[in-house]
Amino acid sequence: MTTGVERLFDELGHFKRFQACVYFAAIFQAISCGIHYLSSVFLVETPTFLCNAPPNITDVLYKNHSATSLEGIWAYYKPGNGPVVVRTALGDQWELSPCFKALRLDAIPFQYEFFGNKTVASCAGFVYDHSEVQQSIVTEWDLVCEREWLAKLTQPTFMLGVLVGALIFGDIADRIGRRPILIATSLCQFTFGIMVAFTGKFYLFVAMRFLLAMVSSGYLVVVFVYVTEFTGIKVRTWTSMHVHAAFAVGVMVVALVGYLVRVWWIYQIILTLSTSPFLLYCWKFPETPFYLMAKGRYKETQELLDKIATFNGLPPTLKVSELIEECDGALLTDKKQADGTAVEVDKKLSILDMFGSLKMAGRSATCWAIWFIGSLGYYVFSLGSVNLGGNQYMNLFLAGAVEVPSYLIGCYAMDRVGRKKTCAPALVLSGVACMLSIMVPQDSEVLAIVLSMIGKFAIAIAFGLVYLYTCELYPTIIRSLAVGSGSMMCRVGSVLAPFCVYLADVWIYLPQLIVGILAFIIGIMTMFLPETLGQPLTSTLEEAQALGSKPSKENAAVDGEEISKA
C-alpha cells in the first residue's frame, strides 16, 4: 500500500465516479487547445489569385479556354503556367499574373500568344478565386506576393506564445493553485478567441492570437498536472496520455468546421464557441488534494476528502491527520537515509547536473532530442496534411483521428513491452514512413496520405509517452528540471515546425526528409536509453545513473548479505 498523500487513492479509489467526472470535465476544454493550435491551417489559406484586373472586362483567355469574366477561367488556371489575358471594353489587352500585370502595346488581334512590346505594372490590388475559400485573412489583408511573409509568420508567432505561456502559467499554478489557472485561462481563451474574429487589423490579429496561444498553452500545461493529482497511480499513465486524445479531437473539429464554414471570422467564432459550455461548470472545480496539503490548507483538504468519499459511495473515514503523519514519517525516513549519502539533495542543482557524467549527458541529449522531434514531427504532419493532395479537410481530420488509436496502443505497449521498446520503434517507423513518402509518385495521392498518417500515428506514440519516460529516467532531485527543460525543447520544435512546412516551397518533400532523417536517427539513439518499466523511481543521481546497468556479482553478493542481515 502507498503512503503519504498517494494513500488517499487506495482509500477512495484510483478512478472512481468523482475522479472520472473531474477528469472528463477538465479534458473537455483541452479540445479547445487542439482547436486553436491548428486553426491557422484554414485561417491563412491562400486561394488562387491574380493581379487586379482593369474595369469593364469583356473577354478572358487562358491557354485554350475563353470566358467573359475571370470567374469562368478559375477552374482551368494553374499558377506558374502562363498569364491570364483579358480585354477591356476600350480594347486594351492585359496579361494578368499573380504578382504583376502587363499592358500589351499595339495588340490588334485578341489571342493568347503575344510577342510584341509590353508595359509592366505593379498590382494595386488582387482578385481571388472564391469558389473554395470565400474569405481568409490572406484575402482580407492581401497577404500575398511581397506581403506573403506576414501570413507565414502567423503560426510561428502563435507557437512563440505557446512557449511563453508554458513558462508563465506553469510557475503561477505552483504559487496560487491549479484551479484558479484553469478557470482564468479558460475565460481568456473564450475572450481572446472571440476578439481574434473582430480585430480588423492584421497586427492586432497577430497580437490577439499570441495572447490566445499563451492562455491555451497555460491551460494545457496545468490540466496535465491537475488530472495527474486527481487520479491514482494505477491509471495515471492512461489518464495523462489521453489528455492528448482530447487535443486530437480538437484537430478533427477544426477540419469539420473548416469544411462547413469558409469565412474566416465566422469560422473563428464557431471554433471558440464549440467548447464554451465548459465555462458553465469550470467554477465548480475543486483544488487538488496534493496542492492543498502542500500549502497546509488541511481543513479544505478534509472537506475535499469527505466530498470525494461521499460521491464515490464510500464512508468518509479517511482523515487528513493520518496523511500528515505518514508524510512526516516519510520525511524523517528520508532524512535518516540522507545521512552521509544524500547530502546532494540539499545542494542547489542546475541544468548542468543533467550532464554531470558522460552517461547522463548522453541520456539528457537523447531525451531532449525525443521531445524536439516529437513536437516538430507532430506539427509538421498536422500542418502539412492539407498539402498532401486530395481533400484537405479529410486529410486534417484523419491526422487527428489516427492519434486516438495511437494513444490506446501506446499505453498498452508501454505497460507490456516497456517504454524504450515502444518509443524507439515508433520513432524509427515514423522516419521510415517519411522516407517512403518521398519515393511515392506525385499522382499517387492515396499512398502519400496513408504514409503520412502512419508517420503521424507513430510520432504521436513517441510524443505521448516522452513525459512519463523522462520522469522515470531522472531522480527526484532533478526530475522537474528534466521535464521542464524537455518541455522547452518541445516548444522549440513547435516554433520551428511551421518554417519546416514552408520548406515545401523549396522542394515539396523537404519537410518529410528533415523529419524522417531526424526521427530515424533519434529512434536509434533511444535504443541506448535504459528501460524503466517496473523500476522504482530513483532519488539520487547515482541511482538514476545505475538504471539499466546490470549489478556485478560482487555487488549482488553484498546486497544479498545486507538483506539477510536485515
Protein backbone atom coordinates (compact mmCIF):
# COMPACT_ATOMS: atom_id res chain seq x y z
CA MET A 1 0.00 0.00 0.00
CA THR A 2 1.22 3.52 -0.85
CA THR A 3 1.93 6.07 1.84
CA GLY A 4 1.53 9.83 2.18
CA VAL A 5 -1.00 11.72 0.07
CA GLU A 6 -1.00 8.91 -2.51
CA ARG A 7 -2.73 6.72 0.07
CA LEU A 8 -5.99 8.60 -0.48
CA PHE A 9 -6.40 6.79 -3.81
CA ASP A 10 -6.12 3.39 -2.11
CA GLU A 11 -8.83 4.51 0.27
CA LEU A 12 -11.12 6.48 -2.07
CA GLY A 13 -10.45 4.83 -5.43
CA HIS A 14 -7.91 5.45 -8.18
CA PHE A 15 -10.51 6.40 -10.79
CA LYS A 16 -14.00 6.21 -9.37
CA ARG A 17 -17.05 8.35 -10.02
CA PHE A 18 -15.69 11.62 -8.60
CA GLN A 19 -12.31 11.39 -10.35
CA ALA A 20 -13.96 10.38 -13.63
CA CYS A 21 -16.29 13.42 -13.55
CA VAL A 22 -13.42 15.80 -12.77
CA TYR A 23 -11.18 14.17 -15.39
CA PHE A 24 -13.60 14.29 -18.33
CA ALA A 25 -14.80 17.78 -17.38
CA ALA A 26 -11.20 19.07 -17.31
CA ILE A 27 -10.04 17.48 -20.57
CA PHE A 28 -13.13 18.75 -22.41
CA GLN A 29 -11.52 22.19 -22.50
CA ALA A 30 -8.28 20.60 -23.80
CA ILE A 31 -10.24 20.14 -27.04
CA SER A 32 -10.13 23.94 -27.43
CA CYS A 33 -6.33 23.84 -27.19
CA GLY A 34 -6.18 21.48 -30.17
CA ILE A 35 -8.63 23.76 -31.98
CA HIS A 36 -6.64 26.96 -31.51
CA TYR A 37 -3.25 25.32 -32.12
CA LEU A 38 -4.31 24.10 -35.59
CA SER A 39 -6.96 26.66 -36.60
CA SER A 40 -4.44 28.66 -38.62
CA VAL A 41 -4.40 25.89 -41.24
CA PHE A 42 -7.58 27.41 -42.72
CA LEU A 43 -7.26 30.94 -41.32
CA VAL A 44 -4.26 31.62 -43.56
CA GLU A 45 -5.39 29.55 -46.53
CA THR A 46 -4.33 31.22 -49.78
CA PRO A 47 -6.75 30.76 -52.70
CA THR A 48 -5.73 31.09 -56.33
CA PHE A 49 -5.23 34.80 -57.11
CA LEU A 50 -4.20 37.23 -59.82
CA CYS A 51 -3.16 40.85 -60.01
CA ASN A 52 -6.19 43.14 -60.01
CA ALA A 53 -7.95 43.29 -63.34
CA PRO A 54 -8.81 46.55 -65.16
CA PRO A 55 -12.51 47.56 -65.20
CA ASN A 56 -15.03 46.63 -67.88
CA ILE A 57 -13.58 43.25 -68.96
CA THR A 58 -15.33 41.81 -72.00
CA ASP A 59 -13.16 38.77 -72.86
CA VAL A 60 -10.80 36.42 -70.98
CA LEU A 61 -8.31 33.90 -72.40
CA TYR A 62 -6.22 31.23 -70.69
CA LYS A 63 -4.47 28.73 -72.95
CA ASN A 64 -7.30 27.18 -75.00
CA HIS A 65 -10.06 28.35 -72.65
CA SER A 66 -12.11 31.50 -73.07
CA ALA A 67 -14.73 33.26 -70.95
CA THR A 68 -16.36 36.63 -70.47
CA SER A 69 -15.21 37.05 -66.86
CA LEU A 70 -12.44 35.78 -64.58
CA GLU A 71 -14.92 33.58 -62.71
CA GLY A 72 -15.22 31.41 -65.80
CA ILE A 73 -11.49 30.77 -66.01
CA TRP A 74 -10.54 29.88 -62.39
CA ALA A 75 -11.28 26.18 -62.87
CA TYR A 76 -8.57 25.95 -65.55
CA TYR A 77 -5.98 28.38 -64.26
CA LYS A 78 -2.75 26.98 -62.75
CA PRO A 79 -0.29 29.43 -61.11
CA GLY A 80 3.09 29.48 -62.79
CA ASN A 81 1.73 28.09 -66.05
CA GLY A 82 1.32 31.31 -68.01
CA PRO A 83 -0.74 34.51 -67.52
CA VAL A 84 -4.45 35.13 -67.95
CA VAL A 85 -5.16 37.52 -70.84
CA VAL A 86 -8.11 39.95 -70.61
CA ARG A 87 -9.58 42.55 -72.97
CA THR A 88 -11.50 45.63 -71.83
CA ALA A 89 -14.37 47.47 -73.45
CA LEU A 90 -11.84 50.09 -74.66
CA GLY A 91 -9.84 47.39 -76.48
CA ASP A 92 -6.86 47.30 -74.07
CA GLN A 93 -5.28 43.87 -73.59
CA TRP A 94 -3.69 42.94 -70.27
CA GLU A 95 -1.71 39.91 -69.15
CA LEU A 96 -2.52 39.13 -65.52
CA SER A 97 -0.06 37.18 -63.35
CA PRO A 98 -0.20 36.64 -59.57
CA CYS A 99 2.16 39.49 -58.63
CA PHE A 100 2.24 41.80 -61.67
CA LYS A 101 0.34 42.70 -64.82
CA ALA A 102 1.45 43.81 -68.28
CA LEU A 103 -0.29 46.01 -70.87
CA ARG A 104 0.20 44.80 -74.43
CA LEU A 105 1.25 47.60 -76.80
CA ASP A 106 -0.23 47.75 -80.30
CA ALA A 107 -2.03 44.42 -79.90
CA ILE A 108 -4.77 44.17 -82.51
CA PRO A 109 -5.89 40.52 -82.70
CA PHE A 110 -7.08 39.14 -79.34
CA GLN A 111 -5.12 35.90 -78.93
CA TYR A 112 -3.22 34.17 -76.14
CA GLU A 113 0.26 34.29 -77.65
CA PHE A 114 1.85 37.73 -77.98
CA PHE A 115 5.45 38.60 -78.90
CA GLY A 116 5.25 42.38 -79.04
CA ASN A 117 6.18 45.04 -76.51
CA LYS A 118 4.54 45.22 -73.07
CA THR A 119 4.41 47.71 -70.21
CA VAL A 120 4.72 46.00 -66.83
CA ALA A 121 2.79 47.50 -63.91
CA SER A 122 2.62 46.67 -60.22
CA CYS A 123 -0.56 45.41 -58.57
CA ALA A 124 -2.84 47.93 -56.90
CA GLY A 125 -4.88 45.02 -55.55
CA PHE A 126 -5.70 41.39 -56.18
CA VAL A 127 -8.61 39.24 -57.34
CA TYR A 128 -9.20 35.85 -55.71
CA ASP A 129 -10.91 32.62 -56.62
CA HIS A 130 -13.70 32.39 -54.03
CA SER A 131 -15.00 29.00 -55.11
CA GLU A 132 -13.12 27.20 -52.31
CA VAL A 133 -12.20 29.97 -49.86
CA GLN A 134 -14.77 32.71 -49.54
CA GLN A 135 -12.67 34.78 -47.14
CA SER A 136 -9.44 34.14 -45.21
CA ILE A 137 -7.03 36.55 -43.54
CA VAL A 138 -5.00 36.36 -46.76
CA THR A 139 -7.85 37.75 -48.85
CA GLU A 140 -8.87 40.14 -46.04
CA TRP A 141 -5.49 41.89 -45.88
CA ASP A 142 -3.92 40.88 -49.25
CA LEU A 143 -1.16 38.79 -47.64
CA VAL A 144 0.32 37.67 -50.96
CA CYS A 145 3.43 38.41 -53.05
CA GLU A 146 5.69 40.79 -51.07
CA ARG A 147 3.34 40.51 -48.04
CA GLU A 148 3.22 36.71 -48.10
CA TRP A 149 5.78 36.51 -45.28
CA LEU A 150 3.25 38.12 -42.92
CA ALA A 151 0.84 35.22 -43.45
CA LYS A 152 3.66 32.73 -42.89
CA LEU A 153 4.53 34.37 -39.56
CA THR A 154 1.04 33.78 -38.17
CA GLN A 155 1.64 30.22 -36.94
CA PRO A 156 5.24 30.72 -35.68
CA THR A 157 4.17 33.74 -33.59
CA PHE A 158 1.33 31.64 -32.17
CA MET A 159 3.80 28.90 -31.22
CA LEU A 160 6.05 31.52 -29.62
CA GLY A 161 3.05 32.45 -27.47
CA VAL A 162 2.69 28.76 -26.58
CA LEU A 163 6.28 28.76 -25.33
CA VAL A 164 5.80 31.91 -23.24
CA GLY A 165 2.51 30.66 -21.81
CA ALA A 166 4.02 27.35 -20.72
CA LEU A 167 6.78 29.19 -18.84
CA ILE A 168 4.47 31.68 -17.14
CA PHE A 169 1.40 29.66 -16.17
CA GLY A 170 3.27 26.55 -15.00
CA ASP A 171 5.06 28.65 -12.40
CA ILE A 172 1.95 30.61 -11.38
CA ALA A 173 -0.02 27.37 -10.90
CA ASP A 174 2.57 26.24 -8.34
CA ARG A 175 2.13 29.51 -6.48
CA ILE A 176 -1.62 30.17 -6.44
CA GLY A 177 -3.08 26.76 -7.32
CA ARG A 178 -4.26 24.72 -10.28
CA ARG A 179 -7.96 25.65 -10.06
CA PRO A 180 -7.57 29.47 -10.47
CA ILE A 181 -5.34 28.98 -13.51
CA LEU A 182 -7.75 26.54 -15.17
CA ILE A 183 -10.64 28.97 -14.71
CA ALA A 184 -8.67 32.08 -15.72
CA THR A 185 -7.10 30.54 -18.84
CA SER A 186 -10.48 29.12 -19.93
CA LEU A 187 -12.16 32.52 -19.64
CA CYS A 188 -9.27 34.14 -21.50
CA GLN A 189 -9.40 31.50 -24.25
CA PHE A 190 -13.04 32.38 -24.86
CA THR A 191 -12.42 36.15 -24.69
CA PHE A 192 -9.32 36.23 -26.90
CA GLY A 193 -10.84 33.68 -29.30
CA ILE A 194 -13.81 35.96 -29.96
CA MET A 195 -11.62 39.08 -30.11
CA VAL A 196 -9.46 37.49 -32.82
CA ALA A 197 -12.50 37.43 -35.11
CA PHE A 198 -13.13 41.18 -34.72
CA THR A 199 -9.61 42.63 -34.79
CA GLY A 200 -9.90 44.43 -38.13
CA LYS A 201 -6.13 44.96 -38.37
CA PHE A 202 -3.54 42.30 -39.18
CA TYR A 203 -1.06 43.24 -36.44
CA LEU A 204 -3.85 43.33 -33.86
CA PHE A 205 -4.93 39.91 -35.14
CA VAL A 206 -1.41 38.56 -34.54
CA ALA A 207 -1.27 40.14 -31.06
CA MET A 208 -4.62 38.60 -30.05
CA ARG A 209 -3.51 35.22 -31.42
CA PHE A 210 -0.31 35.49 -29.37
CA LEU A 211 -2.33 36.08 -26.19
CA LEU A 212 -4.69 33.25 -27.16
CA ALA A 213 -1.66 30.98 -27.57
CA MET A 214 -0.36 31.91 -24.14
CA VAL A 215 -3.59 31.04 -22.31
CA SER A 216 -4.20 27.90 -24.40
CA SER A 217 -0.71 26.67 -23.57
CA GLY A 218 -1.23 27.62 -19.93
CA TYR A 219 -4.40 25.55 -19.73
CA LEU A 220 -2.80 22.54 -21.43
CA VAL A 221 0.25 22.58 -19.13
CA VAL A 222 -1.79 22.92 -15.94
CA VAL A 223 -4.51 20.42 -16.88
CA PHE A 224 -1.86 17.69 -17.16
CA VAL A 225 -0.84 18.39 -13.56
CA TYR A 226 -4.47 18.72 -12.46
CA VAL A 227 -5.66 15.35 -13.76
CA THR A 228 -2.48 13.66 -12.55
CA GLU A 229 -3.13 14.89 -9.00
CA PHE A 230 -6.73 13.64 -9.09
CA THR A 231 -6.06 10.11 -10.40
CA GLY A 232 -4.30 7.21 -8.73
CA ILE A 233 -1.06 5.63 -9.82
CA LYS A 234 -2.86 2.61 -11.30
CA VAL A 235 -4.47 4.70 -14.03
CA ARG A 236 -2.14 7.67 -14.22
CA THR A 237 -0.43 6.55 -17.42
CA TRP A 238 -3.76 6.24 -19.21
CA THR A 239 -5.24 9.47 -17.88
CA SER A 240 -2.18 11.57 -18.72
CA MET A 241 -1.84 10.07 -22.21
CA HIS A 242 -5.47 10.62 -23.08
CA VAL A 243 -5.31 14.36 -22.49
CA HIS A 244 -3.54 14.20 -25.87
CA ALA A 245 -6.60 12.40 -27.26
CA ALA A 246 -8.78 15.40 -26.34
CA PHE A 247 -6.29 17.61 -28.20
CA ALA A 248 -6.68 15.31 -31.23
CA VAL A 249 -10.47 15.72 -31.08
CA GLY A 250 -9.84 19.47 -31.38
CA VAL A 251 -7.87 18.87 -34.59
CA MET A 252 -10.84 16.94 -36.01
CA VAL A 253 -13.20 19.77 -35.02
CA VAL A 254 -11.01 22.23 -36.97
CA ALA A 255 -11.29 20.03 -40.08
CA LEU A 256 -15.07 19.72 -39.75
CA VAL A 257 -15.73 23.43 -39.13
CA GLY A 258 -13.23 24.41 -41.85
CA TYR A 259 -15.17 22.29 -44.33
CA LEU A 260 -18.53 23.77 -43.36
CA VAL A 261 -17.52 27.43 -42.92
CA ARG A 262 -15.35 29.25 -45.48
CA VAL A 263 -15.40 32.76 -43.98
CA TRP A 264 -12.51 33.11 -41.55
CA TRP A 265 -14.09 35.27 -38.83
CA ILE A 266 -17.25 33.14 -38.67
CA TYR A 267 -15.02 30.05 -38.60
CA GLN A 268 -13.05 31.55 -35.69
CA ILE A 269 -16.21 32.36 -33.70
CA ILE A 270 -17.68 28.88 -34.17
CA LEU A 271 -14.41 27.23 -33.12
CA THR A 272 -14.30 29.37 -29.98
CA LEU A 273 -17.94 28.70 -29.09
CA SER A 274 -17.56 24.93 -29.55
CA THR A 275 -16.15 24.46 -26.03
CA SER A 276 -17.96 27.38 -24.36
CA PRO A 277 -20.16 25.02 -22.23
CA PHE A 278 -17.02 24.46 -20.15
CA LEU A 279 -17.43 27.99 -18.75
CA LEU A 280 -20.75 27.00 -17.20
CA TYR A 281 -19.20 24.46 -14.82
CA CYS A 282 -15.45 25.17 -14.54
CA TRP A 283 -16.02 27.32 -11.42
CA LYS A 284 -17.19 24.14 -9.66
CA PHE A 285 -13.74 22.53 -10.00
CA PRO A 286 -12.08 21.70 -6.66
CA GLU A 287 -8.44 22.37 -5.90
CA THR A 288 -6.27 19.23 -5.94
CA PRO A 289 -5.59 17.45 -2.62
CA PHE A 290 -1.86 17.47 -3.33
CA TYR A 291 -1.76 21.26 -3.64
CA LEU A 292 -3.96 21.82 -0.57
CA MET A 293 -1.76 19.54 1.53
CA ALA A 294 1.43 21.17 0.27
CA LYS A 295 0.09 24.62 1.26
CA GLY A 296 -1.06 23.45 4.69
CA ARG A 297 -4.77 24.03 3.94
CA TYR A 298 -5.81 20.97 5.93
CA LYS A 299 -9.40 21.99 6.64
CA GLU A 300 -10.13 22.36 2.92
CA THR A 301 -8.33 19.07 2.29
CA GLN A 302 -10.56 17.26 4.79
CA GLU A 303 -13.68 18.74 3.21
CA LEU A 304 -12.50 17.59 -0.21
CA LEU A 305 -11.69 14.06 1.03
CA ASP A 306 -15.14 13.76 2.58
CA LYS A 307 -16.74 15.02 -0.62
CA ILE A 308 -14.82 12.50 -2.75
CA ALA A 309 -15.72 9.63 -0.42
CA THR A 310 -19.42 10.53 -0.37
CA PHE A 311 -19.58 10.99 -4.14
CA ASN A 312 -17.86 7.63 -4.64
CA GLY A 313 -20.33 5.92 -2.30
CA LEU A 314 -17.77 5.31 0.45
CA PRO A 315 -17.83 6.22 4.15
CA PRO A 316 -15.83 9.43 4.85
CA THR A 317 -13.39 7.75 7.24
CA LEU A 318 -10.06 8.98 5.81
CA LYS A 319 -8.60 11.79 7.94
CA VAL A 320 -6.09 14.40 6.86
CA SER A 321 -4.18 13.87 10.11
CA GLU A 322 -3.36 10.32 9.00
CA LEU A 323 -1.92 11.57 5.71
CA ILE A 324 0.08 14.26 7.55
CA GLU A 325 1.57 11.68 9.93
CA GLU A 326 2.56 9.43 7.03
CA CYS A 327 4.10 12.36 5.15
CA ASP A 328 6.07 13.40 8.25
CA GLY A 329 7.18 9.81 8.74
CA ALA A 330 8.36 9.61 5.15
CA LEU A 331 10.31 12.84 5.59
CA LEU A 332 12.01 11.51 8.72
CA THR A 333 12.92 8.31 6.88
CA ASP A 334 14.36 10.34 4.02
CA LYS A 335 16.45 12.35 6.46
CA LYS A 336 17.82 9.19 8.07
CA GLN A 337 18.68 7.74 4.67
CA ALA A 338 20.31 11.02 3.70
CA ASP A 339 22.93 10.90 6.46
CA GLY A 340 26.27 10.73 4.70
CA THR A 341 24.78 9.63 1.38
CA ALA A 342 22.17 12.04 0.06
CA VAL A 343 23.67 15.37 1.02
CA GLU A 344 23.24 16.28 -2.64
CA VAL A 345 19.51 16.76 -2.03
CA ASP A 346 20.32 19.99 -0.21
CA LYS A 347 22.58 21.21 -2.99
CA LYS A 348 21.33 23.81 -5.42
CA LEU A 349 21.05 21.89 -8.65
CA SER A 350 21.18 23.30 -12.15
CA ILE A 351 20.70 22.04 -15.65
CA LEU A 352 24.41 21.18 -15.71
CA ASP A 353 23.71 18.32 -13.30
CA MET A 354 21.81 16.61 -16.11
CA PHE A 355 25.15 16.43 -17.91
CA GLY A 356 27.29 15.56 -14.88
CA SER A 357 28.71 12.38 -16.41
CA LEU A 358 29.13 11.01 -19.92
CA LYS A 359 26.30 8.55 -19.36
CA MET A 360 23.87 11.19 -18.05
CA ALA A 361 24.92 13.62 -20.78
CA GLY A 362 24.05 11.07 -23.46
CA ARG A 363 20.74 10.33 -21.75
CA SER A 364 19.83 14.01 -21.48
CA ALA A 365 20.76 14.74 -25.10
CA THR A 366 18.62 11.82 -26.27
CA CYS A 367 15.65 12.87 -24.11
CA TRP A 368 15.83 16.43 -25.41
CA ALA A 369 16.02 15.07 -28.97
CA ILE A 370 12.86 12.96 -28.40
CA TRP A 371 10.99 15.99 -27.04
CA PHE A 372 12.17 18.06 -30.02
CA ILE A 373 11.38 15.58 -32.82
CA GLY A 374 8.10 14.61 -31.14
CA SER A 375 6.85 18.18 -31.33
CA LEU A 376 8.45 19.01 -34.69
CA GLY A 377 7.12 15.84 -36.31
CA TYR A 378 3.67 16.18 -34.76
CA TYR A 379 3.10 19.69 -36.12
CA VAL A 380 4.79 19.05 -39.47
CA PHE A 381 2.46 16.10 -40.07
CA SER A 382 -0.56 18.06 -38.85
CA LEU A 383 0.09 21.38 -40.61
CA GLY A 384 1.39 19.67 -43.75
CA SER A 385 -1.56 17.28 -44.07
CA VAL A 386 -3.52 19.87 -46.09
CA ASN A 387 -0.77 19.84 -48.76
CA LEU A 388 -0.91 16.09 -49.46
CA GLY A 389 -3.43 16.35 -52.29
CA GLY A 390 -7.00 15.15 -52.36
CA ASN A 391 -9.47 16.64 -49.89
CA GLN A 392 -7.53 18.83 -47.46
CA TYR A 393 -10.34 18.78 -44.88
CA MET A 394 -10.44 14.99 -44.84
CA ASN A 395 -6.64 14.87 -44.60
CA LEU A 396 -6.60 17.05 -41.48
CA PHE A 397 -9.49 15.08 -39.97
CA LEU A 398 -7.56 11.84 -40.49
CA ALA A 399 -4.42 13.43 -38.99
CA GLY A 400 -6.40 13.97 -35.78
CA ALA A 401 -8.27 10.67 -35.93
CA VAL A 402 -5.14 8.48 -36.14
CA GLU A 403 -3.95 9.89 -32.82
CA VAL A 404 -6.76 8.30 -30.80
CA PRO A 405 -5.73 4.66 -31.50
CA SER A 406 -2.07 5.67 -31.23
CA TYR A 407 -2.54 6.63 -27.57
CA LEU A 408 -4.51 3.47 -26.83
CA ILE A 409 -1.82 1.27 -28.40
CA GLY A 410 0.93 3.39 -26.86
CA CYS A 411 -0.49 2.97 -23.34
CA TYR A 412 -0.88 -0.77 -23.81
CA ALA A 413 2.63 -1.20 -25.23
CA MET A 414 4.23 0.95 -22.52
CA ASP A 415 2.89 -1.31 -19.79
CA ARG A 416 3.58 -4.55 -21.66
CA VAL A 417 6.82 -4.26 -23.63
CA GLY A 418 8.30 -1.20 -21.93
CA ARG A 419 8.92 2.48 -22.52
CA LYS A 420 12.09 2.16 -24.59
CA LYS A 421 10.74 -0.69 -26.73
CA THR A 422 7.68 1.41 -27.51
CA CYS A 423 9.34 4.79 -28.11
CA ALA A 424 12.30 3.68 -30.26
CA PRO A 425 10.33 1.58 -32.82
CA ALA A 426 7.70 4.34 -33.04
CA LEU A 427 10.32 6.94 -33.99
CA VAL A 428 12.00 4.58 -36.46
CA LEU A 429 8.63 3.75 -38.05
CA SER A 430 7.84 7.45 -38.39
CA GLY A 431 11.21 8.06 -40.04
CA VAL A 432 10.76 5.16 -42.46
CA ALA A 433 7.25 6.37 -43.38
CA CYS A 434 8.67 9.82 -44.19
CA MET A 435 11.43 8.33 -46.35
CA LEU A 436 8.99 6.11 -48.25
CA SER A 437 6.67 9.07 -48.91
CA ILE A 438 9.50 10.77 -50.82
CA MET A 439 9.55 7.84 -53.28
CA VAL A 440 5.81 7.98 -53.96
CA PRO A 441 4.89 9.41 -57.40
CA GLN A 442 3.07 12.75 -57.17
CA ASP A 443 -0.05 11.31 -58.77
CA SER A 444 -0.37 8.60 -56.06
CA GLU A 445 -2.22 10.79 -53.54
CA VAL A 446 -3.80 7.92 -51.60
CA LEU A 447 -0.45 6.24 -50.92
CA ALA A 448 1.10 9.56 -49.87
CA ILE A 449 -1.76 10.18 -47.42
CA VAL A 450 -1.51 6.64 -45.99
CA LEU A 451 2.24 7.00 -45.37
CA SER A 452 1.74 10.42 -43.80
CA MET A 453 -0.91 9.02 -41.44
CA ILE A 454 1.40 6.15 -40.48
CA GLY A 455 4.11 8.70 -39.69
CA LYS A 456 1.66 10.79 -37.63
CA PHE A 457 0.40 7.68 -35.82
CA ALA A 458 3.94 6.65 -34.88
CA ILE A 459 5.19 10.10 -33.85
CA ALA A 460 2.09 10.57 -31.66
CA ILE A 461 3.01 7.44 -29.69
CA ALA A 462 6.51 8.75 -29.01
CA PHE A 463 5.26 12.26 -28.25
CA GLY A 464 2.63 10.92 -25.86
CA LEU A 465 4.93 8.80 -23.73
CA VAL A 466 8.01 11.05 -23.51
CA TYR A 467 6.64 12.97 -20.49
CA LEU A 468 6.31 9.83 -18.35
CA TYR A 469 9.54 8.31 -19.68
CA THR A 470 11.51 11.44 -18.78
CA CYS A 471 10.06 11.41 -15.25
CA GLU A 472 11.26 7.83 -14.78
CA LEU A 473 14.75 8.40 -16.22
CA TYR A 474 15.73 11.11 -13.72
CA PRO A 475 15.93 11.21 -9.92
CA THR A 476 13.64 13.21 -7.67
CA ILE A 477 16.18 15.98 -7.14
CA ILE A 478 16.26 16.99 -10.83
CA ARG A 479 13.06 15.40 -12.17
CA SER A 480 11.15 18.68 -12.54
CA LEU A 481 14.21 20.27 -14.13
CA ALA A 482 14.47 17.41 -16.63
CA VAL A 483 10.79 17.60 -17.59
CA GLY A 484 10.88 21.41 -17.75
CA SER A 485 13.95 21.51 -19.98
CA GLY A 486 12.49 18.77 -22.18
CA SER A 487 9.28 20.73 -22.47
CA MET A 488 11.33 23.73 -23.57
CA MET A 489 12.85 21.67 -26.38
CA CYS A 490 9.32 20.62 -27.29
CA ARG A 491 8.31 24.28 -27.64
CA VAL A 492 11.37 24.97 -29.80
CA GLY A 493 10.24 22.17 -32.10
CA SER A 494 6.73 23.59 -32.31
CA VAL A 495 8.06 27.07 -33.19
CA LEU A 496 10.27 25.65 -35.95
CA ALA A 497 7.59 23.30 -37.35
CA PRO A 498 5.76 25.94 -39.47
CA PHE A 499 9.05 27.04 -41.04
CA CYS A 500 9.80 23.39 -41.80
CA VAL A 501 6.43 23.05 -43.55
CA TYR A 502 7.16 26.18 -45.62
CA LEU A 503 10.32 24.48 -46.96
CA ALA A 504 7.97 22.56 -49.24
CA ASP A 505 8.14 25.68 -51.44
CA VAL A 506 11.83 24.89 -52.00
CA TRP A 507 11.26 21.16 -52.57
CA ILE A 508 7.92 19.51 -51.92
CA TYR A 509 9.48 16.60 -49.98
CA LEU A 510 11.98 18.61 -47.91
CA PRO A 511 9.84 18.66 -44.71
CA GLN A 512 9.43 14.86 -44.85
CA LEU A 513 13.14 14.43 -45.49
CA ILE A 514 14.09 16.53 -42.44
CA VAL A 515 11.60 14.86 -40.11
CA GLY A 516 12.37 11.40 -41.49
CA ILE A 517 16.13 11.63 -41.01
CA LEU A 518 15.83 13.13 -37.51
CA ALA A 519 13.17 10.64 -36.38
CA PHE A 520 15.16 7.65 -37.63
CA ILE A 521 18.44 8.78 -36.01
CA ILE A 522 16.76 9.71 -32.71
CA GLY A 523 14.91 6.38 -32.75
CA ILE A 524 18.26 4.57 -32.95
CA MET A 525 19.62 6.77 -30.12
CA THR A 526 16.58 5.89 -27.99
CA MET A 527 17.55 2.21 -28.10
CA PHE A 528 20.55 3.06 -25.90
CA LEU A 529 18.39 4.50 -23.12
CA PRO A 530 17.68 2.30 -20.08
CA GLU A 531 14.31 0.59 -19.69
CA THR A 532 12.26 1.93 -16.77
CA LEU A 533 9.24 -0.40 -16.85
CA GLY A 534 8.84 -1.98 -13.42
CA GLN A 535 11.69 0.08 -11.95
CA PRO A 536 11.12 2.21 -8.83
CA LEU A 537 11.55 5.98 -9.18
CA THR A 538 15.10 6.99 -8.30
CA SER A 539 16.02 9.58 -5.67
CA THR A 540 19.71 10.31 -6.29
CA LEU A 541 21.87 10.88 -9.34
CA GLU A 542 23.80 7.69 -8.57
CA GLU A 543 20.61 5.61 -8.61
CA ALA A 544 19.48 7.22 -11.85
CA GLN A 545 22.85 6.63 -13.47
CA ALA A 546 22.67 2.97 -12.47
CA LEU A 547 19.39 2.45 -14.36
CA GLY A 548 19.84 -0.21 -16.99
CA SER A 549 23.18 -1.34 -15.54
CA LYS A 550 23.45 -4.98 -14.52
CA PRO A 551 24.88 -5.24 -11.00
CA SER A 552 28.18 -7.04 -10.69
CA LYS A 553 28.40 -10.37 -8.86
CA GLU A 554 30.32 -8.70 -6.05
CA ASN A 555 27.64 -6.02 -5.60
CA ALA A 556 24.91 -8.64 -5.79
CA ALA A 557 26.59 -10.65 -3.06
CA VAL A 558 26.90 -7.58 -0.84
CA ASP A 559 23.23 -6.75 -1.43
CA GLY A 560 22.25 -10.30 -0.56
CA GLU A 561 24.32 -10.20 2.64
CA GLU A 562 22.68 -6.89 3.68
CA ILE A 563 19.22 -8.32 3.03
CA SER A 564 19.96 -11.43 5.14
CA LYS A 565 21.22 -9.25 7.99
CA ALA A 566 18.07 -7.15 7.81
